[in-house]
PDB file of N, CA and C in Angstrom:
ATOM      1  N   MET A   1     -19.294 -69.568 -51.646  1.00  0.00           N
ATOM      2  CA  MET A   1     -19.229 -70.509 -52.746  1.00  0.00           C
ATOM      3  C   MET A   1     -17.784 -70.597 -53.225  1.00  0.00           C
ATOM      4  N   SER A   2     -17.350 -71.809 -53.460  1.00  0.00           N
ATOM      5  CA  SER A   2     -15.970 -71.988 -53.891  1.00  0.00           C
ATOM      6  C   SER A   2     -15.872 -71.961 -55.412  1.00  0.00           C
ATOM      7  N   ARG A   3     -14.651 -71.897 -55.885  1.00  0.00           N
ATOM      8  CA  ARG A   3     -14.409 -71.897 -57.337  1.00  0.00           C
ATOM      9  C   ARG A   3     -14.912 -73.194 -57.937  1.00  0.00           C
ATOM     10  N   ILE A   4     -15.392 -73.098 -59.151  1.00  0.00           N
ATOM     11  CA  ILE A   4     -15.928 -74.266 -59.841  1.00  0.00           C
ATOM     12  C   ILE A   4     -15.069 -74.531 -61.080  1.00  0.00           C
ATOM     13  N   THR A   5     -14.681 -75.773 -61.256  1.00  0.00           N
ATOM     14  CA  THR A   5     -13.823 -76.113 -62.390  1.00  0.00           C
ATOM     15  C   THR A   5     -14.677 -76.591 -63.562  1.00  0.00           C
ATOM     16  N   MET A   6     -14.097 -76.583 -64.735  1.00  0.00           N
ATOM     17  CA  MET A   6     -14.810 -77.020 -65.928  1.00  0.00           C
ATOM     18  C   MET A   6     -15.151 -78.502 -65.832  1.00  0.00           C
ATOM     19  N   LYS A   7     -14.318 -79.271 -65.169  1.00  0.00           N
ATOM     20  CA  LYS A   7     -14.582 -80.694 -64.987  1.00  0.00           C
ATOM     21  C   LYS A   7     -15.866 -80.884 -64.182  1.00  0.00           C
ATOM     22  N   THR A   8     -16.055 -80.070 -63.174  1.00  0.00           N
ATOM     23  CA  THR A   8     -17.268 -80.128 -62.363  1.00  0.00           C
ATOM     24  C   THR A   8     -18.481 -79.672 -63.169  1.00  0.00           C
ATOM     25  N   VAL A   9     -18.293 -78.617 -63.953  1.00  0.00           N
ATOM     26  CA  VAL A   9     -19.382 -78.069 -64.754  1.00  0.00           C
ATOM     27  C   VAL A   9     -19.875 -79.089 -65.767  1.00  0.00           C
ATOM     28  N   LYS A  10     -18.956 -79.833 -66.367  1.00  0.00           N
ATOM     29  CA  LYS A  10     -19.337 -80.822 -67.381  1.00  0.00           C
ATOM     30  C   LYS A  10     -20.151 -81.963 -66.787  1.00  0.00           C
ATOM     31  N   GLY A  11     -20.029 -82.197 -65.498  1.00  0.00           N
ATOM     32  CA  GLY A  11     -20.781 -83.264 -64.846  1.00  0.00           C
ATOM     33  C   GLY A  11     -22.180 -82.868 -64.423  1.00  0.00           C
ATOM     34  N   LEU A  12     -22.525 -81.610 -64.557  1.00  0.00           N
ATOM     35  CA  LEU A  12     -23.835 -81.132 -64.114  1.00  0.00           C
ATOM     36  C   LEU A  12     -24.874 -81.220 -65.229  1.00  0.00           C
ATOM     37  N   SER A  13     -26.116 -81.391 -64.829  1.00  0.00           N
ATOM     38  CA  SER A  13     -27.207 -81.388 -65.806  1.00  0.00           C
ATOM     39  C   SER A  13     -27.607 -79.950 -66.109  1.00  0.00           C
ATOM     40  N   GLU A  14     -28.470 -79.782 -67.089  1.00  0.00           N
ATOM     41  CA  GLU A  14     -28.885 -78.436 -67.492  1.00  0.00           C
ATOM     42  C   GLU A  14     -29.620 -77.722 -66.356  1.00  0.00           C
ATOM     43  N   LYS A  15     -30.460 -78.455 -65.653  1.00  0.00           N
ATOM     44  CA  LYS A  15     -31.211 -77.874 -64.535  1.00  0.00           C
ATOM     45  C   LYS A  15     -30.269 -77.429 -63.413  1.00  0.00           C
ATOM     46  N   ASP A  16     -29.294 -78.283 -63.097  1.00  0.00           N
ATOM     47  CA  ASP A  16     -28.317 -77.943 -62.058  1.00  0.00           C
ATOM     48  C   ASP A  16     -27.488 -76.731 -62.456  1.00  0.00           C
ATOM     49  N   LEU A  17     -27.113 -76.656 -63.734  1.00  0.00           N
ATOM     50  CA  LEU A  17     -26.339 -75.516 -64.227  1.00  0.00           C
ATOM     51  C   LEU A  17     -27.118 -74.217 -64.059  1.00  0.00           C
ATOM     52  N   LYS A  18     -28.395 -74.253 -64.412  1.00  0.00           N
ATOM     53  CA  LYS A  18     -29.206 -73.053 -64.279  1.00  0.00           C
ATOM     54  C   LYS A  18     -29.324 -72.617 -62.823  1.00  0.00           C
ATOM     55  N   ASN A  19     -29.457 -73.581 -61.909  1.00  0.00           N
ATOM     56  CA  ASN A  19     -29.518 -73.258 -60.482  1.00  0.00           C
ATOM     57  C   ASN A  19     -28.212 -72.650 -59.991  1.00  0.00           C
ATOM     58  N   LYS A  20     -27.094 -73.241 -60.404  1.00  0.00           N
ATOM     59  CA  LYS A  20     -25.772 -72.728 -60.000  1.00  0.00           C
ATOM     60  C   LYS A  20     -25.542 -71.328 -60.550  1.00  0.00           C
ATOM     61  N   ILE A  21     -25.957 -71.086 -61.788  1.00  0.00           N
ATOM     62  CA  ILE A  21     -25.803 -69.762 -62.392  1.00  0.00           C
ATOM     63  C   ILE A  21     -26.592 -68.736 -61.595  1.00  0.00           C
ATOM     64  N   GLN A  22     -27.816 -69.097 -61.214  1.00  0.00           N
ATOM     65  CA  GLN A  22     -28.656 -68.181 -60.445  1.00  0.00           C
ATOM     66  C   GLN A  22     -28.021 -67.873 -59.088  1.00  0.00           C
ATOM     67  N   GLU A  23     -27.492 -68.902 -58.422  1.00  0.00           N
ATOM     68  CA  GLU A  23     -26.829 -68.704 -57.131  1.00  0.00           C
ATOM     69  C   GLU A  23     -25.610 -67.791 -57.281  1.00  0.00           C
ATOM     70  N   SER A  24     -24.835 -68.040 -58.315  1.00  0.00           N
ATOM     71  CA  SER A  24     -23.627 -67.249 -58.531  1.00  0.00           C
ATOM     72  C   SER A  24     -23.958 -65.800 -58.852  1.00  0.00           C
ATOM     73  N   ARG A  25     -25.009 -65.590 -59.617  1.00  0.00           N
ATOM     74  CA  ARG A  25     -25.415 -64.221 -59.949  1.00  0.00           C
ATOM     75  C   ARG A  25     -25.889 -63.471 -58.711  1.00  0.00           C
ATOM     76  N   SER A  26     -26.595 -64.156 -57.821  1.00  0.00           N
ATOM     77  CA  SER A  26     -27.030 -63.488 -56.593  1.00  0.00           C
ATOM     78  C   SER A  26     -25.832 -63.176 -55.692  1.00  0.00           C
ATOM     79  N   GLU A  27     -24.858 -64.085 -55.667  1.00  0.00           N
ATOM     80  CA  GLU A  27     -23.642 -63.839 -54.896  1.00  0.00           C
ATOM     81  C   GLU A  27     -22.865 -62.653 -55.475  1.00  0.00           C
ATOM     82  N   LEU A  28     -22.795 -62.588 -56.803  1.00  0.00           N
ATOM     83  CA  LEU A  28     -22.106 -61.483 -57.468  1.00  0.00           C
ATOM     84  C   LEU A  28     -22.794 -60.152 -57.160  1.00  0.00           C
ATOM     85  N   ALA A  29     -24.106 -60.157 -57.157  1.00  0.00           N
ATOM     86  CA  ALA A  29     -24.851 -58.937 -56.836  1.00  0.00           C
ATOM     87  C   ALA A  29     -24.551 -58.485 -55.411  1.00  0.00           C
ATOM     88  N   LYS A  30     -24.492 -59.443 -54.484  1.00  0.00           N
ATOM     89  CA  LYS A  30     -24.176 -59.114 -53.089  1.00  0.00           C
ATOM     90  C   LYS A  30     -22.761 -58.542 -52.973  1.00  0.00           C
ATOM     91  N   LEU A  31     -21.821 -59.152 -53.679  1.00  0.00           N
ATOM     92  CA  LEU A  31     -20.440 -58.661 -53.642  1.00  0.00           C
ATOM     93  C   LEU A  31     -20.348 -57.250 -54.220  1.00  0.00           C
ATOM     94  N   ARG A  32     -21.090 -56.987 -55.279  1.00  0.00           N
ATOM     95  CA  ARG A  32     -21.065 -55.651 -55.882  1.00  0.00           C
ATOM     96  C   ARG A  32     -21.656 -54.604 -54.956  1.00  0.00           C
ATOM     97  N   VAL A  33     -22.725 -54.968 -54.245  1.00  0.00           N
ATOM     98  CA  VAL A  33     -23.326 -54.045 -53.284  1.00  0.00           C
ATOM     99  C   VAL A  33     -22.339 -53.748 -52.163  1.00  0.00           C
ATOM    100  N   ASP A  34     -21.700 -54.797 -51.642  1.00  0.00           N
ATOM    101  CA  ASP A  34     -20.709 -54.609 -50.590  1.00  0.00           C
ATOM    102  C   ASP A  34     -19.552 -53.743 -51.076  1.00  0.00           C
ATOM    103  N   GLY A  35     -19.161 -53.921 -52.324  1.00  0.00           N
ATOM    104  CA  GLY A  35     -18.084 -53.119 -52.884  1.00  0.00           C
ATOM    105  C   GLY A  35     -18.463 -51.660 -53.010  1.00  0.00           C
ATOM    106  N   SER A  36     -19.690 -51.410 -53.376  1.00  0.00           N
ATOM    107  CA  SER A  36     -20.120 -50.017 -53.522  1.00  0.00           C
ATOM    108  C   SER A  36     -20.277 -49.343 -52.160  1.00  0.00           C
ATOM    109  N   LYS A  37     -20.611 -50.124 -51.129  1.00  0.00           N
ATOM    110  CA  LYS A  37     -20.709 -49.579 -49.774  1.00  0.00           C
ATOM    111  C   LYS A  37     -19.327 -49.338 -49.165  1.00  0.00           C
ATOM    112  N   GLY A  38     -18.349 -50.044 -49.675  1.00  0.00           N
ATOM    113  CA  GLY A  38     -17.005 -49.919 -49.138  1.00  0.00           C
ATOM    114  C   GLY A  38     -16.698 -50.936 -48.061  1.00  0.00           C
ATOM    115  N   THR A  39     -17.548 -51.937 -47.911  1.00  0.00           N
ATOM    116  CA  THR A  39     -17.326 -52.952 -46.878  1.00  0.00           C
ATOM    117  C   THR A  39     -16.659 -54.207 -47.425  1.00  0.00           C
ATOM    118  N   LEU A  40     -16.293 -54.191 -48.676  1.00  0.00           N
ATOM    119  CA  LEU A  40     -15.677 -55.354 -49.321  1.00  0.00           C
ATOM    120  C   LEU A  40     -14.164 -55.179 -49.294  1.00  0.00           C
ATOM    121  N   ARG A  41     -13.533 -55.759 -48.319  1.00  0.00           N
ATOM    122  CA  ARG A  41     -12.080 -55.604 -48.185  1.00  0.00           C
ATOM    123  C   ARG A  41     -11.341 -56.887 -48.564  1.00  0.00           C
ATOM    124  N   LYS A  42     -11.551 -57.925 -47.789  1.00  0.00           N
ATOM    125  CA  LYS A  42     -10.806 -59.168 -47.990  1.00  0.00           C
ATOM    126  C   LYS A  42     -11.287 -59.943 -49.211  1.00  0.00           C
ATOM    127  N   GLU A  43     -12.526 -59.723 -49.614  1.00  0.00           N
ATOM    128  CA  GLU A  43     -13.104 -60.489 -50.717  1.00  0.00           C
ATOM    129  C   GLU A  43     -13.106 -59.720 -52.030  1.00  0.00           C
ATOM    130  N   SER A  44     -12.294 -58.697 -52.138  1.00  0.00           N
ATOM    131  CA  SER A  44     -12.327 -57.875 -53.352  1.00  0.00           C
ATOM    132  C   SER A  44     -11.921 -58.651 -54.596  1.00  0.00           C
ATOM    133  N   GLY A  45     -11.082 -59.641 -54.472  1.00  0.00           N
ATOM    134  CA  GLY A  45     -10.673 -60.453 -55.614  1.00  0.00           C
ATOM    135  C   GLY A  45     -11.678 -61.521 -55.970  1.00  0.00           C
ATOM    136  N   LYS A  46     -12.690 -61.684 -55.145  1.00  0.00           N
ATOM    137  CA  LYS A  46     -13.672 -62.732 -55.369  1.00  0.00           C
ATOM    138  C   LYS A  46     -14.634 -62.388 -56.507  1.00  0.00           C
ATOM    139  N   ILE A  47     -14.813 -61.109 -56.783  1.00  0.00           N
ATOM    140  CA  ILE A  47     -15.731 -60.682 -57.848  1.00  0.00           C
ATOM    141  C   ILE A  47     -15.292 -61.256 -59.186  1.00  0.00           C
ATOM    142  N   LYS A  48     -14.027 -61.152 -59.468  1.00  0.00           N
ATOM    143  CA  LYS A  48     -13.493 -61.657 -60.738  1.00  0.00           C
ATOM    144  C   LYS A  48     -13.680 -63.169 -60.850  1.00  0.00           C
ATOM    145  N   ALA A  49     -13.446 -63.869 -59.762  1.00  0.00           N
ATOM    146  CA  ALA A  49     -13.588 -65.327 -59.759  1.00  0.00           C
ATOM    147  C   ALA A  49     -15.038 -65.741 -60.002  1.00  0.00           C
ATOM    148  N   VAL A  50     -15.975 -65.053 -59.379  1.00  0.00           N
ATOM    149  CA  VAL A  50     -17.387 -65.385 -59.544  1.00  0.00           C
ATOM    150  C   VAL A  50     -17.823 -65.099 -60.976  1.00  0.00           C
ATOM    151  N   ARG A  51     -17.362 -63.994 -61.541  1.00  0.00           N
ATOM    152  CA  ARG A  51     -17.701 -63.669 -62.927  1.00  0.00           C
ATOM    153  C   ARG A  51     -17.199 -64.747 -63.882  1.00  0.00           C
ATOM    154  N   ARG A  52     -16.006 -65.238 -63.638  1.00  0.00           N
ATOM    155  CA  ARG A  52     -15.442 -66.279 -64.500  1.00  0.00           C
ATOM    156  C   ARG A  52     -16.174 -67.605 -64.336  1.00  0.00           C
ATOM    157  N   ASP A  53     -16.592 -67.905 -63.104  1.00  0.00           N
ATOM    158  CA  ASP A  53     -17.374 -69.127 -62.875  1.00  0.00           C
ATOM    159  C   ASP A  53     -18.694 -69.070 -63.633  1.00  0.00           C
ATOM    160  N   ILE A  54     -19.343 -67.904 -63.599  1.00  0.00           N
ATOM    161  CA  ILE A  54     -20.598 -67.734 -64.331  1.00  0.00           C
ATOM    162  C   ILE A  54     -20.356 -67.927 -65.825  1.00  0.00           C
ATOM    163  N   ALA A  55     -19.280 -67.371 -66.327  1.00  0.00           N
ATOM    164  CA  ALA A  55     -18.957 -67.507 -67.747  1.00  0.00           C
ATOM    165  C   ALA A  55     -18.718 -68.966 -68.117  1.00  0.00           C
ATOM    166  N   ARG A  56     -18.034 -69.714 -67.256  1.00  0.00           N
ATOM    167  CA  ARG A  56     -17.797 -71.138 -67.504  1.00  0.00           C
ATOM    168  C   ARG A  56     -19.118 -71.893 -67.614  1.00  0.00           C
ATOM    169  N   MET A  57     -20.009 -71.615 -66.674  1.00  0.00           N
ATOM    170  CA  MET A  57     -21.280 -72.326 -66.660  1.00  0.00           C
ATOM    171  C   MET A  57     -22.141 -71.950 -67.864  1.00  0.00           C
ATOM    172  N   LEU A  58     -22.138 -70.685 -68.242  1.00  0.00           N
ATOM    173  CA  LEU A  58     -22.903 -70.259 -69.410  1.00  0.00           C
ATOM    174  C   LEU A  58     -22.347 -70.868 -70.692  1.00  0.00           C
ATOM    175  N   THR A  59     -21.036 -70.978 -70.766  1.00  0.00           N
ATOM    176  CA  THR A  59     -20.403 -71.605 -71.928  1.00  0.00           C
ATOM    177  C   THR A  59     -20.851 -73.058 -72.053  1.00  0.00           C
ATOM    178  N   ARG A  60     -20.830 -73.774 -70.959  1.00  0.00           N
ATOM    179  CA  ARG A  60     -21.250 -75.178 -70.975  1.00  0.00           C
ATOM    180  C   ARG A  60     -22.731 -75.304 -71.315  1.00  0.00           C
ATOM    181  N   LEU A  61     -23.544 -74.399 -70.787  1.00  0.00           N
ATOM    182  CA  LEU A  61     -24.975 -74.418 -71.084  1.00  0.00           C
ATOM    183  C   LEU A  61     -25.231 -74.212 -72.570  1.00  0.00           C
ATOM    184  N   ASN A  62     -24.498 -73.295 -73.171  1.00  0.00           N
ATOM    185  CA  ASN A  62     -24.622 -73.053 -74.617  1.00  0.00           C
ATOM    186  C   ASN A  62     -24.131 -74.252 -75.427  1.00  0.00           C
ATOM    187  N   GLU A  63     -23.076 -74.912 -74.971  1.00  0.00           N
ATOM    188  CA  GLU A  63     -22.593 -76.110 -75.647  1.00  0.00           C
ATOM    189  C   GLU A  63     -23.656 -77.200 -75.626  1.00  0.00           C
ATOM    190  N   MET A  64     -24.338 -77.323 -74.500  1.00  0.00           N
ATOM    191  CA  MET A  64     -25.376 -78.340 -74.367  1.00  0.00           C
ATOM    192  C   MET A  64     -26.550 -78.039 -75.295  1.00  0.00           C
ATOM    193  N   LYS A  65     -26.902 -76.785 -75.431  1.00  0.00           N
ATOM    194  CA  LYS A  65     -28.022 -76.404 -76.292  1.00  0.00           C
ATOM    195  C   LYS A  65     -27.689 -76.595 -77.760  1.00  0.00           C
ATOM    196  N   ASN A  66     -26.451 -76.398 -78.137  1.00  0.00           N
ATOM    197  CA  ASN A  66     -26.050 -76.496 -79.550  1.00  0.00           C
ATOM    198  C   ASN A  66     -25.867 -77.933 -80.017  1.00  0.00           C
ATOM    199  N   GLN A  67     -25.812 -78.874 -79.109  1.00  0.00           N
ATOM    200  CA  GLN A  67     -25.601 -80.271 -79.501  1.00  0.00           C
ATOM    201  C   GLN A  67     -26.892 -80.937 -79.892  1.00  0.00           C
TER     202      GLN A  67
END
């Protein structure tokens, strides 16, 4: 999964956001497992990026709920 920008996030519906969040969380879980096994070498910086993408999407989801 590639990085997601706020411009892209703003164009998504609530249902799409929830699906993307779920996908990103499963990817993050996989990366964490690989990191704990010691097999995460080239993608070690990807964990931070995925966490930030999830935060972006959650922020937008909360903005949508508060409006």
